[in-house]
PDB file of N, CA and C in Angstrom:
ATOM      1  N   SER A   1     -37.139  35.957  62.417  1.00  0.00           N
ATOM      2  CA  SER A   1     -37.290  35.167  63.621  1.00  0.00           C
ATOM      3  C   SER A   1     -36.458  33.897  63.495  1.00  0.00           C
ATOM      4  N   SER A   2     -35.780  33.573  64.541  1.00  0.00           N
ATOM      5  CA  SER A   2     -34.885  32.416  64.569  1.00  0.00           C
ATOM      6  C   SER A   2     -35.663  31.121  64.728  1.00  0.00           C
ATOM      7  N   ASN A   3     -35.132  30.045  64.137  1.00  0.00           N
ATOM      8  CA  ASN A   3     -35.754  28.729  64.259  1.00  0.00           C
ATOM      9  C   ASN A   3     -35.668  28.221  65.692  1.00  0.00           C
ATOM     10  N   LEU A   4     -34.615  28.631  66.436  1.00  0.00           N
ATOM     11  CA  LEU A   4     -34.457  28.188  67.811  1.00  0.00           C
ATOM     12  C   LEU A   4     -35.540  28.741  68.725  1.00  0.00           C
ATOM     13  N   SER A   5     -36.105  29.892  68.391  1.00  0.00           N
ATOM     14  CA  SER A   5     -37.094  30.497  69.268  1.00  0.00           C
ATOM     15  C   SER A   5     -38.526  30.181  68.837  1.00  0.00           C
ATOM     16  N   ALA A   6     -38.683  29.408  67.767  1.00  0.00           N
ATOM     17  CA  ALA A   6     -40.031  29.062  67.317  1.00  0.00           C
ATOM     18  C   ALA A   6     -40.676  28.090  68.293  1.00  0.00           C
ATOM     19  N   PRO A   7     -41.891  28.382  68.771  1.00  0.00           N
ATOM     20  CA  PRO A   7     -42.532  27.460  69.707  1.00  0.00           C
ATOM     21  C   PRO A   7     -42.919  26.150  69.038  1.00  0.00           C
ATOM     22  N   LEU A   8     -42.769  25.076  69.757  1.00  0.00           N
ATOM     23  CA  LEU A   8     -43.126  23.755  69.261  1.00  0.00           C
ATOM     24  C   LEU A   8     -44.049  23.129  70.286  1.00  0.00           C
ATOM     25  N   PHE A   9     -45.285  22.852  69.893  1.00  0.00           N
ATOM     26  CA  PHE A   9     -46.292  22.275  70.785  1.00  0.00           C
ATOM     27  C   PHE A   9     -46.458  23.133  72.037  1.00  0.00           C
ATOM     28  N   GLY A  10     -46.402  24.438  71.871  1.00  0.00           N
ATOM     29  CA  GLY A  10     -46.603  25.313  73.004  1.00  0.00           C
ATOM     30  C   GLY A  10     -45.345  25.582  73.805  1.00  0.00           C
ATOM     31  N   GLU A  11     -44.238  24.910  73.492  1.00  0.00           N
ATOM     32  CA  GLU A  11     -42.980  25.168  74.194  1.00  0.00           C
ATOM     33  C   GLU A  11     -42.350  26.408  73.583  1.00  0.00           C
ATOM     34  N   ASN A  12     -42.095  27.396  74.386  1.00  0.00           N
ATOM     35  CA  ASN A  12     -41.452  28.584  73.853  1.00  0.00           C
ATOM     36  C   ASN A  12     -40.151  28.889  74.574  1.00  0.00           C
ATOM     37  N   SER A  13     -39.634  27.944  75.296  1.00  0.00           N
ATOM     38  CA  SER A  13     -38.406  28.140  76.049  1.00  0.00           C
ATOM     39  C   SER A  13     -37.193  27.910  75.150  1.00  0.00           C
ATOM     40  N   THR A  14     -36.444  28.976  74.939  1.00  0.00           N
ATOM     41  CA  THR A  14     -35.212  28.868  74.153  1.00  0.00           C
ATOM     42  C   THR A  14     -34.213  27.972  74.865  1.00  0.00           C
ATOM     43  N   ARG A  15     -34.219  28.019  76.194  1.00  0.00           N
ATOM     44  CA  ARG A  15     -33.308  27.179  76.982  1.00  0.00           C
ATOM     45  C   ARG A  15     -33.545  25.700  76.688  1.00  0.00           C
ATOM     46  N   THR A  16     -34.813  25.279  76.601  1.00  0.00           N
ATOM     47  CA  THR A  16     -35.142  23.881  76.315  1.00  0.00           C
ATOM     48  C   THR A  16     -34.631  23.482  74.941  1.00  0.00           C
ATOM     49  N   VAL A  17     -34.826  24.344  73.960  1.00  0.00           N
ATOM     50  CA  VAL A  17     -34.384  24.043  72.596  1.00  0.00           C
ATOM     51  C   VAL A  17     -32.867  23.949  72.535  1.00  0.00           C
ATOM     52  N   VAL A  18     -32.168  24.848  73.212  1.00  0.00           N
ATOM     53  CA  VAL A  18     -30.700  24.807  73.225  1.00  0.00           C
ATOM     54  C   VAL A  18     -30.211  23.533  73.909  1.00  0.00           C
ATOM     55  N   MET A  19     -30.847  23.146  75.003  1.00  0.00           N
ATOM     56  CA  MET A  19     -30.466  21.902  75.686  1.00  0.00           C
ATOM     57  C   MET A  19     -30.697  20.693  74.784  1.00  0.00           C
ATOM     58  N   GLN A  20     -31.788  20.689  74.029  1.00  0.00           N
ATOM     59  CA  GLN A  20     -32.052  19.587  73.109  1.00  0.00           C
ATOM     60  C   GLN A  20     -30.993  19.529  72.022  1.00  0.00           C
ATOM     61  N   ARG A  21     -30.586  20.686  71.510  1.00  0.00           N
ATOM     62  CA  ARG A  21     -29.537  20.726  70.481  1.00  0.00           C
ATOM     63  C   ARG A  21     -28.201  20.221  71.049  1.00  0.00           C
ATOM     64  N   CYS A  22     -27.896  20.600  72.275  1.00  0.00           N
ATOM     65  CA  CYS A  22     -26.652  20.136  72.909  1.00  0.00           C
ATOM     66  C   CYS A  22     -26.678  18.620  73.108  1.00  0.00           C
ATOM     67  N   LEU A  23     -27.817  18.091  73.544  1.00  0.00           N
ATOM     68  CA  LEU A  23     -27.948  16.640  73.704  1.00  0.00           C
ATOM     69  C   LEU A  23     -27.798  15.932  72.362  1.00  0.00           C
ATOM     70  N   ALA A  24     -28.391  16.497  71.314  1.00  0.00           N
ATOM     71  CA  ALA A  24     -28.268  15.904  69.979  1.00  0.00           C
ATOM     72  C   ALA A  24     -26.811  15.925  69.521  1.00  0.00           C
ATOM     73  N   PHE A  25     -26.120  17.038  69.724  1.00  0.00           N
ATOM     74  CA  PHE A  25     -24.715  17.142  69.323  1.00  0.00           C
ATOM     75  C   PHE A  25     -23.854  16.126  70.071  1.00  0.00           C
ATOM     76  N   PHE A  26     -24.044  16.025  71.389  1.00  0.00           N
ATOM     77  CA  PHE A  26     -23.257  15.087  72.190  1.00  0.00           C
ATOM     78  C   PHE A  26     -23.541  13.641  71.779  1.00  0.00           C
ATOM     79  N   THR A  27     -24.801  13.342  71.476  1.00  0.00           N
ATOM     80  CA  THR A  27     -25.165  11.989  71.050  1.00  0.00           C
ATOM     81  C   THR A  27     -24.483  11.641  69.734  1.00  0.00           C
ATOM     82  N   VAL A  28     -24.529  12.557  68.779  1.00  0.00           N
ATOM     83  CA  VAL A  28     -23.880  12.314  67.480  1.00  0.00           C
ATOM     84  C   VAL A  28     -22.366  12.217  67.649  1.00  0.00           C
ATOM     85  N   LEU A  29     -21.802  13.049  68.497  1.00  0.00           N
ATOM     86  CA  LEU A  29     -20.365  13.004  68.755  1.00  0.00           C
ATOM     87  C   LEU A  29     -19.954  11.652  69.333  1.00  0.00           C
ATOM     88  N   MET A  30     -20.692  11.178  70.329  1.00  0.00           N
ATOM     89  CA  MET A  30     -20.380   9.880  70.940  1.00  0.00           C
ATOM     90  C   MET A  30     -20.531   8.737  69.932  1.00  0.00           C
ATOM     91  N   ALA A  31     -21.636   8.743  69.190  1.00  0.00           N
ATOM     92  CA  ALA A  31     -21.860   7.676  68.209  1.00  0.00           C
ATOM     93  C   ALA A  31     -20.798   7.720  67.108  1.00  0.00           C
ATOM     94  N   GLY A  32     -20.460   8.909  66.653  1.00  0.00           N
ATOM     95  CA  GLY A  32     -19.453   9.047  65.592  1.00  0.00           C
ATOM     96  C   GLY A  32     -18.080   8.575  66.023  1.00  0.00           C
ATOM     97  N   THR A  33     -17.648   8.985  67.219  1.00  0.00           N
ATOM     98  CA  THR A  33     -16.337   8.536  67.686  1.00  0.00           C
ATOM     99  C   THR A  33     -16.323   7.033  67.938  1.00  0.00           C
ATOM    100  N   THR A  34     -17.456   6.484  68.357  1.00  0.00           N
ATOM    101  CA  THR A  34     -17.532   5.030  68.572  1.00  0.00           C
ATOM    102  C   THR A  34     -17.405   4.291  67.241  1.00  0.00           C
ATOM    103  N   MET A  35     -18.059   4.800  66.204  1.00  0.00           N
ATOM    104  CA  MET A  35     -17.962   4.136  64.894  1.00  0.00           C
ATOM    105  C   MET A  35     -16.550   4.223  64.331  1.00  0.00           C
ATOM    106  N   ILE A  36     -15.890   5.358  64.527  1.00  0.00           N
ATOM    107  CA  ILE A  36     -14.497   5.481  64.079  1.00  0.00           C
ATOM    108  C   ILE A  36     -13.608   4.532  64.871  1.00  0.00           C
ATOM    109  N   THR A  37     -13.819   4.467  66.180  1.00  0.00           N
ATOM    110  CA  THR A  37     -13.035   3.555  67.022  1.00  0.00           C
ATOM    111  C   THR A  37     -13.259   2.105  66.609  1.00  0.00           C
ATOM    112  N   ALA A  38     -14.485   1.753  66.252  1.00  0.00           N
ATOM    113  CA  ALA A  38     -14.789   0.381  65.843  1.00  0.00           C
ATOM    114  C   ALA A  38     -13.997  -0.028  64.612  1.00  0.00           C
ATOM    115  N   CYS A  39     -13.735   0.931  63.754  1.00  0.00           N
ATOM    116  CA  CYS A  39     -13.021   0.621  62.508  1.00  0.00           C
ATOM    117  C   CYS A  39     -11.507   0.703  62.649  1.00  0.00           C
ATOM    118  N   THR A  40     -11.021   1.287  63.739  1.00  0.00           N
ATOM    119  CA  THR A  40      -9.574   1.500  63.847  1.00  0.00           C
ATOM    120  C   THR A  40      -8.901   0.753  64.990  1.00  0.00           C
ATOM    121  N   VAL A  41      -9.619   0.459  66.072  1.00  0.00           N
ATOM    122  CA  VAL A  41      -8.999  -0.131  67.265  1.00  0.00           C
ATOM    123  C   VAL A  41      -9.395  -1.590  67.399  1.00  0.00           C
ATOM    124  N   GLY A  42      -8.415  -2.448  67.539  1.00  0.00           N
ATOM    125  CA  GLY A  42      -8.667  -3.852  67.826  1.00  0.00           C
ATOM    126  C   GLY A  42      -9.344  -4.634  66.730  1.00  0.00           C
ATOM    127  N   THR A  43      -9.216  -4.197  65.500  1.00  0.00           N
ATOM    128  CA  THR A  43      -9.893  -4.911  64.404  1.00  0.00           C
ATOM    129  C   THR A  43      -9.148  -6.175  63.995  1.00  0.00           C
ATOM    130  N   ASP A  44      -7.970  -6.404  64.572  1.00  0.00           N
ATOM    131  CA  ASP A  44      -7.227  -7.627  64.252  1.00  0.00           C
ATOM    132  C   ASP A  44      -7.936  -8.861  64.804  1.00  0.00           C
ATOM    133  N   ASN A  45      -8.542  -8.728  65.985  1.00  0.00           N
ATOM    134  CA  ASN A  45      -9.170  -9.871  66.645  1.00  0.00           C
ATOM    135  C   ASN A  45     -10.541 -10.206  66.068  1.00  0.00           C
ATOM    136  N   ASN A  46     -11.431  -9.248  66.044  1.00  0.00           N
ATOM    137  CA  ASN A  46     -12.814  -9.484  65.619  1.00  0.00           C
ATOM    138  C   ASN A  46     -13.304  -8.391  64.673  1.00  0.00           C
ATOM    139  N   PRO A  47     -12.796  -8.317  63.464  1.00  0.00           N
ATOM    140  CA  PRO A  47     -13.220  -7.219  62.592  1.00  0.00           C
ATOM    141  C   PRO A  47     -14.708  -7.282  62.248  1.00  0.00           C
ATOM    142  N   GLY A  48     -15.243  -8.478  62.051  1.00  0.00           N
ATOM    143  CA  GLY A  48     -16.664  -8.611  61.728  1.00  0.00           C
ATOM    144  C   GLY A  48     -17.559  -8.163  62.873  1.00  0.00           C
ATOM    145  N   LEU A  49     -17.174  -8.510  64.091  1.00  0.00           N
ATOM    146  CA  LEU A  49     -17.948  -8.121  65.264  1.00  0.00           C
ATOM    147  C   LEU A  49     -17.926  -6.613  65.457  1.00  0.00           C
ATOM    148  N   HIS A  50     -16.786  -5.999  65.232  1.00  0.00           N
ATOM    149  CA  HIS A  50     -16.671  -4.546  65.369  1.00  0.00           C
ATOM    150  C   HIS A  50     -17.559  -3.842  64.340  1.00  0.00           C
ATOM    151  N   VAL A  51     -17.522  -4.304  63.116  1.00  0.00           N
ATOM    152  CA  VAL A  51     -18.349  -3.701  62.065  1.00  0.00           C
ATOM    153  C   VAL A  51     -19.823  -3.897  62.385  1.00  0.00           C
ATOM    154  N   PHE A  52     -20.189  -5.082  62.821  1.00  0.00           N
ATOM    155  CA  PHE A  52     -21.596  -5.352  63.167  1.00  0.00           C
ATOM    156  C   PHE A  52     -22.077  -4.434  64.289  1.00  0.00           C
ATOM    157  N   MET A  53     -21.284  -4.303  65.345  1.00  0.00           N
ATOM    158  CA  MET A  53     -21.696  -3.454  66.466  1.00  0.00           C
ATOM    159  C   MET A  53     -21.792  -1.987  66.056  1.00  0.00           C
ATOM    160  N   SER A  54     -20.891  -1.540  65.214  1.00  0.00           N
ATOM    161  CA  SER A  54     -20.974  -0.149  64.767  1.00  0.00           C
ATOM    162  C   SER A  54     -22.176   0.061  63.848  1.00  0.00           C
ATOM    163  N   LEU A  55     -22.531  -0.946  63.056  1.00  0.00           N
ATOM    164  CA  LEU A  55     -23.736  -0.834  62.219  1.00  0.00           C
ATOM    165  C   LEU A  55     -25.004  -0.800  63.060  1.00  0.00           C
ATOM    166  N   VAL A  56     -25.051  -1.586  64.132  1.00  0.00           N
ATOM    167  CA  VAL A  56     -26.199  -1.554  65.044  1.00  0.00           C
ATOM    168  C   VAL A  56     -26.335  -0.158  65.644  1.00  0.00           C
ATOM    169  N   LEU A  57     -25.223   0.406  66.083  1.00  0.00           N
ATOM    170  CA  LEU A  57     -25.237   1.755  66.644  1.00  0.00           C
ATOM    171  C   LEU A  57     -25.677   2.779  65.594  1.00  0.00           C
ATOM    172  N   LEU A  58     -25.205   2.627  64.376  1.00  0.00           N
ATOM    173  CA  LEU A  58     -25.575   3.545  63.294  1.00  0.00           C
ATOM    174  C   LEU A  58     -27.072   3.498  63.007  1.00  0.00           C
ATOM    175  N   VAL A  59     -27.636   2.302  62.920  1.00  0.00           N
ATOM    176  CA  VAL A  59     -29.075   2.163  62.655  1.00  0.00           C
ATOM    177  C   VAL A  59     -29.893   2.741  63.810  1.00  0.00           C
ATOM    178  N   PHE A  60     -29.486   2.459  65.031  1.00  0.00           N
ATOM    179  CA  PHE A  60     -30.187   2.971  66.212  1.00  0.00           C
ATOM    180  C   PHE A  60     -30.149   4.500  66.238  1.00  0.00           C
ATOM    181  N   THR A  61     -28.982   5.073  65.933  1.00  0.00           N
ATOM    182  CA  THR A  61     -28.833   6.527  65.916  1.00  0.00           C
ATOM    183  C   THR A  61     -29.646   7.148  64.781  1.00  0.00           C
ATOM    184  N   ALA A  62     -29.603   6.540  63.610  1.00  0.00           N
ATOM    185  CA  ALA A  62     -30.338   7.082  62.455  1.00  0.00           C
ATOM    186  C   ALA A  62     -31.847   7.083  62.701  1.00  0.00           C
ATOM    187  N   THR A  63     -32.376   5.999  63.261  1.00  0.00           N
ATOM    188  CA  THR A  63     -33.819   5.965  63.513  1.00  0.00           C
ATOM    189  C   THR A  63     -34.224   6.967  64.589  1.00  0.00           C
ATOM    190  N   THR A  64     -33.367   7.164  65.578  1.00  0.00           N
ATOM    191  CA  THR A  64     -33.660   8.157  66.618  1.00  0.00           C
ATOM    192  C   THR A  64     -33.714   9.554  66.018  1.00  0.00           C
ATOM    193  N   PHE A  65     -32.791   9.860  65.136  1.00  0.00           N
ATOM    194  CA  PHE A  65     -32.790  11.196  64.548  1.00  0.00           C
ATOM    195  C   PHE A  65     -33.886  11.376  63.509  1.00  0.00           C
ATOM    196  N   MET A  66     -34.314  10.303  62.876  1.00  0.00           N
ATOM    197  CA  MET A  66     -35.502  10.413  62.010  1.00  0.00           C
ATOM    198  C   MET A  66     -36.722  10.785  62.844  1.00  0.00           C
ATOM    199  N   LEU A  67     -36.877  10.120  63.999  1.00  0.00           N
ATOM    200  CA  LEU A  67     -37.986  10.461  64.903  1.00  0.00           C
ATOM    201  C   LEU A  67     -37.872  11.905  65.385  1.00  0.00           C
ATOM    202  N   ALA A  68     -36.665  12.353  65.682  1.00  0.00           N
ATOM    203  CA  ALA A  68     -36.469  13.728  66.144  1.00  0.00           C
ATOM    204  C   ALA A  68     -36.858  14.730  65.058  1.00  0.00           C
ATOM    205  N   MET A  69     -36.521  14.438  63.815  1.00  0.00           N
ATOM    206  CA  MET A  69     -36.900  15.327  62.718  1.00  0.00           C
ATOM    207  C   MET A  69     -38.421  15.359  62.554  1.00  0.00           C
ATOM    208  N   TRP A  70     -39.061  14.215  62.651  1.00  0.00           N
ATOM    209  CA  TRP A  70     -40.520  14.174  62.547  1.00  0.00           C
ATOM    210  C   TRP A  70     -41.159  14.929  63.707  1.00  0.00           C
ATOM    211  N   TYR A  71     -40.556  14.817  64.892  1.00  0.00           N
ATOM    212  CA  TYR A  71     -41.074  15.542  66.049  1.00  0.00           C
ATOM    213  C   TYR A  71     -40.977  17.051  65.814  1.00  0.00           C
ATOM    214  N   GLU A  72     -39.820  17.495  65.320  1.00  0.00           N
ATOM    215  CA  GLU A  72     -39.638  18.923  65.067  1.00  0.00           C
ATOM    216  C   GLU A  72     -40.561  19.446  63.979  1.00  0.00           C
ATOM    217  N   ASP A  73     -40.916  18.594  63.033  1.00  0.00           N
ATOM    218  CA  ASP A  73     -41.852  18.990  61.981  1.00  0.00           C
ATOM    219  C   ASP A  73     -43.293  19.003  62.468  1.00  0.00           C
ATOM    220  N   GLY A  74     -43.519  18.523  63.688  1.00  0.00           N
ATOM    221  CA  GLY A  74     -44.862  18.514  64.254  1.00  0.00           C
ATOM    222  C   GLY A  74     -45.686  17.306  63.860  1.00  0.00           C
ATOM    223  N   GLU A  75     -45.042  16.283  63.328  1.00  0.00           N
ATOM    224  CA  GLU A  75     -45.759  15.096  62.874  1.00  0.00           C
ATOM    225  C   GLU A  75     -45.981  14.074  63.989  1.00  0.00           C
ATOM    226  N   LEU A  76     -45.327  14.259  65.128  1.00  0.00           N
ATOM    227  CA  LEU A  76     -45.463  13.334  66.252  1.00  0.00           C
ATOM    228  C   LEU A  76     -45.997  14.076  67.469  1.00  0.00           C
ATOM    229  N   LEU A  77     -46.614  13.341  68.350  1.00  0.00           N
ATOM    230  CA  LEU A  77     -47.168  13.922  69.570  1.00  0.00           C
ATOM    231  C   LEU A  77     -46.058  14.355  70.523  1.00  0.00           C
ATOM    232  N   PRO A  78     -46.329  15.314  71.395  1.00  0.00           N
ATOM    233  CA  PRO A  78     -45.315  15.765  72.358  1.00  0.00           C
ATOM    234  C   PRO A  78     -44.829  14.661  73.292  1.00  0.00           C
ATOM    235  N   LYS A  79     -45.620  13.614  73.495  1.00  0.00           N
ATOM    236  CA  LYS A  79     -45.213  12.505  74.360  1.00  0.00           C
ATOM    237  C   LYS A  79     -43.955  11.816  73.841  1.00  0.00           C
ATOM    238  N   VAL A  80     -43.723  11.912  72.549  1.00  0.00           N
ATOM    239  CA  VAL A  80     -42.584  11.244  71.932  1.00  0.00           C
ATOM    240  C   VAL A  80     -41.260  11.859  72.402  1.00  0.00           C
ATOM    241  N   LEU A  81     -41.290  13.101  72.869  1.00  0.00           N
ATOM    242  CA  LEU A  81     -40.066  13.758  73.306  1.00  0.00           C
ATOM    243  C   LEU A  81     -39.382  12.975  74.422  1.00  0.00           C
ATOM    244  N   ASN A  82     -40.138  12.427  75.361  1.00  0.00           N
ATOM    245  CA  ASN A  82     -39.551  11.624  76.434  1.00  0.00           C
ATOM    246  C   ASN A  82     -38.891  10.369  75.882  1.00  0.00           C
ATOM    247  N   ILE A  83     -39.495   9.764  74.878  1.00  0.00           N
ATOM    248  CA  ILE A  83     -38.898   8.581  74.239  1.00  0.00           C
ATOM    249  C   ILE A  83     -37.589   8.965  73.566  1.00  0.00           C
ATOM    250  N   LEU A  84     -37.555  10.126  72.932  1.00  0.00           N
ATOM    251  CA  LEU A  84     -36.328  10.580  72.283  1.00  0.00           C
ATOM    252  C   LEU A  84     -35.211  10.809  73.300  1.00  0.00           C
ATOM    253  N   TYR A  85     -35.555  11.353  74.469  1.00  0.00           N
ATOM    254  CA  TYR A  85     -34.554  11.533  75.522  1.00  0.00           C
ATOM    255  C   TYR A  85     -34.010  10.183  75.981  1.00  0.00           C
ATOM    256  N   VAL A  86     -34.883   9.207  76.157  1.00  0.00           N
ATOM    257  CA  VAL A  86     -34.458   7.870  76.591  1.00  0.00           C
ATOM    258  C   VAL A  86     -33.576   7.226  75.522  1.00  0.00           C
ATOM    259  N   GLN A  87     -33.967   7.368  74.260  1.00  0.00           N
ATOM    260  CA  GLN A  87     -33.162   6.796  73.187  1.00  0.00           C
ATOM    261  C   GLN A  87     -31.789   7.463  73.103  1.00  0.00           C
ATOM    262  N   ALA A  88     -31.724   8.766  73.286  1.00  0.00           N
ATOM    263  CA  ALA A  88     -30.430   9.458  73.274  1.00  0.00           C
ATOM    264  C   ALA A  88     -29.556   8.938  74.417  1.00  0.00           C
ATOM    265  N   GLY A  89     -30.151   8.753  75.585  1.00  0.00           N
ATOM    266  CA  GLY A  89     -29.406   8.186  76.705  1.00  0.00           C
ATOM    267  C   GLY A  89     -28.922   6.776  76.418  1.00  0.00           C
ATOM    268  N   ALA A  90     -29.750   5.990  75.751  1.00  0.00           N
ATOM    269  CA  ALA A  90     -29.358   4.616  75.401  1.00  0.00           C
ATOM    270  C   ALA A  90     -28.222   4.620  74.378  1.00  0.00           C
ATOM    271  N   ILE A  91     -28.264   5.536  73.427  1.00  0.00           N
ATOM    272  CA  ILE A  91     -27.196   5.625  72.422  1.00  0.00           C
ATOM    273  C   ILE A  91     -25.884   6.016  73.088  1.00  0.00           C
ATOM    274  N   ILE A  92     -25.937   6.990  73.988  1.00  0.00           N
ATOM    275  CA  ILE A  92     -24.727   7.411  74.699  1.00  0.00           C
ATOM    276  C   ILE A  92     -24.193   6.261  75.553  1.00  0.00           C
ATOM    277  N   SER A  93     -25.075   5.550  76.239  1.00  0.00           N
ATOM    278  CA  SER A  93     -24.658   4.411  77.060  1.00  0.00           C
ATOM    279  C   SER A  93     -24.055   3.303  76.206  1.00  0.00           C
ATOM    280  N   LEU A  94     -24.675   3.012  75.074  1.00  0.00           N
ATOM    281  CA  LEU A  94     -24.147   2.001  74.164  1.00  0.00           C
ATOM    282  C   LEU A  94     -22.786   2.421  73.624  1.00  0.00           C
ATOM    283  N   SER A  95     -22.619   3.695  73.330  1.00  0.00           N
ATOM    284  CA  SER A  95     -21.325   4.186  72.846  1.00  0.00           C
ATOM    285  C   SER A  95     -20.240   3.992  73.900  1.00  0.00           C
ATOM    286  N   ILE A  96     -20.557   4.325  75.142  1.00  0.00           N
ATOM    287  CA  ILE A  96     -19.585   4.142  76.224  1.00  0.00           C
ATOM    288  C   ILE A  96     -19.239   2.665  76.380  1.00  0.00           C
ATOM    289  N   LEU A  97     -20.257   1.815  76.362  1.00  0.00           N
ATOM    290  CA  LEU A  97     -20.044   0.374  76.482  1.00  0.00           C
ATOM    291  C   LEU A  97     -19.157  -0.147  75.355  1.00  0.00           C
ATOM    292  N   LEU A  98     -19.422   0.291  74.130  1.00  0.00           N
ATOM    293  CA  LEU A  98     -18.611  -0.172  72.997  1.00  0.00           C
ATOM    294  C   LEU A  98     -17.188   0.356  73.077  1.00  0.00           C
ATOM    295  N   HIS A  99     -17.003   1.582  73.552  1.00  0.00           N
ATOM    296  CA  HIS A  99     -15.640   2.096  73.745  1.00  0.00           C
ATOM    297  C   HIS A  99     -14.884   1.223  74.742  1.00  0.00           C
ATOM    298  N   VAL A 100     -15.531   0.849  75.823  1.00  0.00           N
ATOM    299  CA  VAL A 100     -14.889  -0.020  76.817  1.00  0.00           C
ATOM    300  C   VAL A 100     -14.567  -1.374  76.192  1.00  0.00           C
ATOM    301  N   TYR A 101     -15.528  -1.947  75.462  1.00  0.00           N
ATOM    302  CA  TYR A 101     -15.304  -3.255  74.836  1.00  0.00           C
ATOM    303  C   TYR A 101     -14.157  -3.191  73.829  1.00  0.00           C
ATOM    304  N   PHE A 102     -14.154  -2.171  72.972  1.00  0.00           N
ATOM    305  CA  PHE A 102     -13.102  -2.065  71.969  1.00  0.00           C
ATOM    306  C   PHE A 102     -11.746  -1.874  72.644  1.00  0.00           C
ATOM    307  N   GLY A 103     -11.711  -1.136  73.739  1.00  0.00           N
ATOM    308  CA  GLY A 103     -10.463  -0.946  74.476  1.00  0.00           C
ATOM    309  C   GLY A 103      -9.963  -2.241  75.082  1.00  0.00           C
ATOM    310  N   LEU A 104     -10.886  -3.035  75.678  1.00  0.00           N
ATOM    311  CA  LEU A 104     -10.493  -4.330  76.247  1.00  0.00           C
ATOM    312  C   LEU A 104     -10.075  -5.309  75.158  1.00  0.00           C
ATOM    313  N   ASP A 105     -10.788  -5.275  74.034  1.00  0.00           N
ATOM    314  CA  ASP A 105     -10.462  -6.166  72.914  1.00  0.00           C
ATOM    315  C   ASP A 105      -9.097  -5.814  72.346  1.00  0.00           C
ATOM    316  N   HIS A 106      -8.768  -4.529  72.332  1.00  0.00           N
ATOM    317  CA  HIS A 106      -7.480  -4.081  71.816  1.00  0.00           C
ATOM    318  C   HIS A 106      -6.346  -4.533  72.734  1.00  0.00           C
ATOM    319  N   ARG A 107      -6.587  -4.553  74.029  1.00  0.00           N
ATOM    320  CA  ARG A 107      -5.547  -4.955  74.998  1.00  0.00           C
ATOM    321  C   ARG A 107      -5.241  -6.440  74.927  1.00  0.00           C
ATOM    322  N   LYS A 108      -6.203  -7.245  74.460  1.00  0.00           N
ATOM    323  CA  LYS A 108      -5.973  -8.696  74.346  1.00  0.00           C
ATOM    324  C   LYS A 108      -4.899  -9.021  73.328  1.00  0.00           C
ATOM    325  N   SER A 109      -4.812  -8.207  72.283  1.00  0.00           N
ATOM    326  CA  SER A 109      -3.892  -8.540  71.193  1.00  0.00           C
ATOM    327  C   SER A 109      -2.466  -8.111  71.459  1.00  0.00           C
TER     328      SER A 109
END
């Protein structure tokens, strides 16, 4: 039996699990590219600020995925799933914002 089809808190929809995996992948992709961009683009102007912002994003992403792992292990209530969705949206939004900032900061130089 596949791990993707295992019911979690009564959820047995494979579609829901696949959508959650896609959201997790996209969130990690956005956060990862933002951290790489922080270290490579526009670091001449504010290298400390770029590193700080990427570290904030890294900590936020790491804590979100720790919660997601605990949720999948059944250690958290099903209500936490909505919080995880909101946090994933916030991480994606923060990544977009930082990409815009790094792009504008790069154009100044």
